[in-house]
Every structure is written in C-alpha cells, then in structure tokens.
C-alpha cells in the first residue's frame, strides 16, 4: 500500500512567503489566533498541507484566556 500524507504542517519565515505560497497553491491566508507567548499566527491550508507564520509584534486580536473549574460548574447545577 502506498504511504499517504495525512497532515503536513510547516512554518514559513515571513508573511510575505506565506502569501506567495498561498497564491501559488490557490489557498487563502487566514488569521488563526495567538500563540501562548502572544504572537499572532496566520496560516494557509490546501488539502493536507498547512503553512503557518508567526508574527513578530504583539497579537492585534488578543483573546483573553478563560478557565472555569468543572467542579464549580458541577456544584452550580445542583
């Protein structure tokens, strides 16, 4: 049986390189969210291939991390 690529994720060096890859492969560049360090991440997907790039500046769309305890939720439902 021939090996099959299920997922191929690689990081590119710049947003310009990601845009060029996306244009060549007919994909769209989309904002994916922040890293844990607060860097913005953009990506483009074409089939099983994903290319991403991390920004060097703080994330323009910071998302607050929110955690709620499952134990608190369980006691609130009683």
N, C-alpha and C. Protein backbone atom coordinates (compact mmCIF):
# COMPACT_ATOMS: atom_id res chain seq x y z
N UNK A 1 0.83 -1.18 0.00
CA UNK A 1 0.00 0.00 0.00
C UNK A 1 0.89 1.25 0.00
N UNK A 2 0.55 2.21 -0.81
CA UNK A 2 1.33 3.45 -0.95
C UNK A 2 1.12 4.34 0.29
N UNK A 3 2.22 4.90 0.87
CA UNK A 3 2.05 5.81 2.01
C UNK A 3 1.26 7.05 1.60
N UNK A 4 0.48 7.53 2.51
CA UNK A 4 -0.37 8.69 2.23
C UNK A 4 -0.09 9.80 3.24
N UNK A 5 0.03 11.03 2.77
CA UNK A 5 0.23 12.17 3.65
C UNK A 5 -1.09 12.54 4.29
N UNK A 6 -1.11 12.53 5.60
CA UNK A 6 -2.33 12.88 6.32
C UNK A 6 -2.30 14.35 6.72
N UNK A 7 -1.14 14.80 7.16
CA UNK A 7 -1.03 16.18 7.63
C UNK A 7 0.42 16.64 7.45
N UNK A 8 0.61 17.77 6.80
CA UNK A 8 1.93 18.34 6.58
C UNK A 8 1.89 19.80 7.01
N UNK A 9 2.41 20.10 8.21
CA UNK A 9 2.39 21.46 8.75
C UNK A 9 3.82 21.95 8.85
N UNK A 10 4.07 23.12 8.26
CA UNK A 10 5.41 23.71 8.32
C UNK A 10 5.31 25.22 8.54
N UNK A 11 6.32 25.75 9.21
CA UNK A 11 6.36 27.19 9.45
C UNK A 11 7.23 27.86 8.40
N UNK A 12 6.73 28.95 7.85
CA UNK A 12 7.48 29.73 6.87
C UNK A 12 8.11 30.93 7.56
N UNK A 13 9.12 31.55 6.94
CA UNK A 13 9.87 32.62 7.61
C UNK A 13 9.15 33.97 7.69
N UNK A 14 8.18 34.22 6.80
CA UNK A 14 7.55 35.55 6.81
C UNK A 14 6.13 35.49 6.23
N UNK A 15 5.37 36.53 6.52
CA UNK A 15 4.02 36.64 5.99
C UNK A 15 4.06 36.78 4.46
N UNK A 16 5.09 37.41 3.96
CA UNK A 16 5.25 37.54 2.50
C UNK A 16 5.44 36.16 1.86
N UNK A 17 6.25 35.30 2.48
CA UNK A 17 6.45 33.94 1.97
C UNK A 17 5.16 33.13 2.05
N UNK A 18 4.39 33.31 3.12
CA UNK A 18 3.10 32.61 3.26
C UNK A 18 2.13 33.07 2.18
N UNK A 19 2.08 34.36 1.93
CA UNK A 19 1.19 34.89 0.89
C UNK A 19 1.57 34.36 -0.49
N UNK A 20 2.86 34.28 -0.75
CA UNK A 20 3.32 33.74 -2.04
C UNK A 20 2.95 32.27 -2.17
N UNK A 21 3.13 31.49 -1.10
CA UNK A 21 2.77 30.07 -1.11
C UNK A 21 1.26 29.91 -1.34
N UNK A 22 0.47 30.71 -0.64
CA UNK A 22 -0.98 30.64 -0.77
C UNK A 22 -1.43 30.99 -2.19
N UNK A 23 -0.85 32.01 -2.76
CA UNK A 23 -1.20 32.43 -4.12
C UNK A 23 -0.86 31.31 -5.11
N UNK A 24 0.29 30.71 -4.96
CA UNK A 24 0.73 29.63 -5.86
C UNK A 24 -0.19 28.41 -5.77
N UNK A 25 -0.69 28.11 -4.56
CA UNK A 25 -1.48 26.91 -4.35
C UNK A 25 -2.99 27.16 -4.29
N UNK A 26 -3.41 28.37 -4.57
CA UNK A 26 -4.84 28.68 -4.59
C UNK A 26 -5.49 28.62 -3.22
N UNK A 27 -4.75 28.98 -2.18
CA UNK A 27 -5.26 28.96 -0.82
C UNK A 27 -5.46 30.39 -0.31
N UNK A 28 -6.15 30.51 0.79
CA UNK A 28 -6.41 31.81 1.38
C UNK A 28 -5.66 31.94 2.70
N UNK A 29 -5.01 33.06 2.94
CA UNK A 29 -4.31 33.31 4.20
C UNK A 29 -5.34 33.77 5.22
N UNK A 30 -5.33 33.11 6.39
CA UNK A 30 -6.29 33.47 7.44
C UNK A 30 -5.58 33.61 8.77
N UNK A 31 -6.11 34.49 9.59
CA UNK A 31 -5.61 34.66 10.95
C UNK A 31 -6.08 33.46 11.77
N UNK A 32 -5.16 32.78 12.46
CA UNK A 32 -5.51 31.58 13.21
C UNK A 32 -5.63 31.82 14.71
N UNK A 33 -5.03 32.89 15.20
CA UNK A 33 -5.07 33.18 16.63
C UNK A 33 -3.68 33.40 17.17
N UNK A 34 -3.58 33.59 18.49
CA UNK A 34 -2.28 33.86 19.10
C UNK A 34 -1.59 32.59 19.60
N UNK A 35 -0.27 32.68 19.74
CA UNK A 35 0.49 31.63 20.42
C UNK A 35 0.34 31.88 21.92
N UNK A 36 0.86 30.97 22.72
CA UNK A 36 0.84 31.18 24.17
C UNK A 36 1.69 32.38 24.59
N UNK A 37 2.65 32.74 23.74
CA UNK A 37 3.51 33.90 24.02
C UNK A 37 2.87 35.20 23.52
N UNK A 38 1.69 35.14 22.91
CA UNK A 38 1.00 36.34 22.45
C UNK A 38 1.37 36.77 21.05
N UNK A 39 2.04 35.92 20.27
CA UNK A 39 2.38 36.26 18.89
C UNK A 39 1.21 35.88 17.98
N UNK A 40 0.89 36.72 17.00
CA UNK A 40 -0.19 36.35 16.07
C UNK A 40 0.26 35.24 15.12
N UNK A 41 -0.65 34.37 14.73
CA UNK A 41 -0.35 33.27 13.82
C UNK A 41 -1.30 33.34 12.63
N UNK A 42 -0.73 33.31 11.42
CA UNK A 42 -1.52 33.25 10.19
C UNK A 42 -1.22 31.93 9.51
N UNK A 43 -2.18 31.42 8.74
CA UNK A 43 -1.96 30.15 8.07
C UNK A 43 -2.72 30.06 6.76
N UNK A 44 -2.32 29.12 5.94
CA UNK A 44 -3.00 28.81 4.67
C UNK A 44 -3.05 27.30 4.55
N UNK A 45 -4.20 26.78 4.11
CA UNK A 45 -4.40 25.34 4.02
C UNK A 45 -4.80 24.97 2.60
N UNK A 46 -4.17 23.90 2.10
CA UNK A 46 -4.53 23.34 0.80
C UNK A 46 -4.45 21.83 0.94
N UNK A 47 -5.60 21.17 1.04
CA UNK A 47 -5.63 19.72 1.24
C UNK A 47 -4.99 19.38 2.58
N UNK A 48 -4.08 18.40 2.60
CA UNK A 48 -3.44 18.01 3.86
C UNK A 48 -2.25 18.91 4.22
N UNK A 49 -1.99 19.92 3.41
CA UNK A 49 -0.81 20.78 3.62
C UNK A 49 -1.24 22.10 4.27
N UNK A 50 -0.56 22.44 5.36
CA UNK A 50 -0.80 23.70 6.07
C UNK A 50 0.53 24.41 6.22
N UNK A 51 0.54 25.69 5.90
CA UNK A 51 1.72 26.52 6.10
C UNK A 51 1.33 27.64 7.06
N UNK A 52 2.18 27.91 8.03
CA UNK A 52 1.89 28.93 9.03
C UNK A 52 3.07 29.87 9.17
N UNK A 53 2.79 31.03 9.76
CA UNK A 53 3.83 32.00 10.08
C UNK A 53 3.42 32.71 11.36
N UNK A 54 4.42 32.96 12.22
CA UNK A 54 4.20 33.72 13.44
C UNK A 54 4.63 35.16 13.23
N UNK A 55 3.82 36.09 13.72
CA UNK A 55 4.17 37.50 13.63
C UNK A 55 5.21 37.85 14.69
N UNK A 56 5.90 38.95 14.49
CA UNK A 56 6.94 39.38 15.42
C UNK A 56 6.43 40.41 16.42
N UNK A 57 5.28 40.99 16.16
CA UNK A 57 4.72 42.02 17.04
C UNK A 57 3.63 41.40 17.91
N UNK A 58 3.18 42.12 18.93
CA UNK A 58 2.08 41.59 19.75
C UNK A 58 0.83 41.34 18.90
N UNK A 59 0.06 40.36 19.31
CA UNK A 59 -1.14 39.96 18.59
C UNK A 59 -2.13 41.13 18.46
N UNK A 60 -2.58 41.44 17.24
CA UNK A 60 -3.54 42.55 17.07
C UNK A 60 -4.94 42.19 17.56
N UNK A 61 -5.21 40.92 17.80
CA UNK A 61 -6.53 40.47 18.25
C UNK A 61 -6.37 39.61 19.51
N UNK A 62 -5.89 40.17 20.61
CA UNK A 62 -5.65 39.34 21.79
C UNK A 62 -6.94 38.71 22.31
N UNK A 63 -6.86 37.44 22.64
CA UNK A 63 -8.00 36.71 23.19
C UNK A 63 -7.69 36.39 24.64
N UNK A 64 -8.55 36.82 25.56
CA UNK A 64 -8.26 36.51 26.96
C UNK A 64 -8.41 35.01 27.21
N UNK A 65 -7.47 34.45 27.97
CA UNK A 65 -7.58 33.05 28.35
C UNK A 65 -8.53 32.95 29.54
N UNK A 66 -9.56 32.14 29.40
CA UNK A 66 -10.55 31.99 30.46
C UNK A 66 -10.63 30.52 30.81
N UNK A 67 -10.57 30.22 32.10
CA UNK A 67 -10.68 28.84 32.54
C UNK A 67 -11.72 28.79 33.64
N UNK A 68 -12.61 27.82 33.55
CA UNK A 68 -13.57 27.63 34.63
C UNK A 68 -13.45 26.20 35.13
N UNK A 69 -13.54 26.04 36.41
CA UNK A 69 -13.38 24.74 37.03
C UNK A 69 -14.60 23.86 36.76
N UNK A 70 -14.40 22.62 36.32
CA UNK A 70 -15.54 21.72 36.15
C UNK A 70 -16.20 21.40 37.47
N UNK A 71 -15.47 21.51 38.58
CA UNK A 71 -16.05 21.27 39.89
C UNK A 71 -17.01 22.39 40.28
N UNK A 72 -16.65 23.63 39.94
CA UNK A 72 -17.55 24.75 40.22
C UNK A 72 -18.83 24.62 39.39
N UNK A 73 -18.70 24.20 38.15
CA UNK A 73 -19.88 24.01 37.30
C UNK A 73 -20.79 22.92 37.85
N UNK A 74 -20.20 21.84 38.38
CA UNK A 74 -20.97 20.72 38.91
C UNK A 74 -21.77 21.14 40.13
N UNK A 75 -21.18 21.95 41.00
CA UNK A 75 -21.89 22.37 42.22
C UNK A 75 -22.95 23.42 41.89
N UNK A 76 -22.76 24.20 40.85
CA UNK A 76 -23.74 25.23 40.48
C UNK A 76 -25.01 24.60 39.91
N UNK A 77 -24.93 23.41 39.34
CA UNK A 77 -26.09 22.78 38.71
C UNK A 77 -26.98 22.05 39.71
N UNK A 78 -26.54 21.93 40.96
CA UNK A 78 -27.36 21.22 41.95
C UNK A 78 -28.52 22.02 42.43
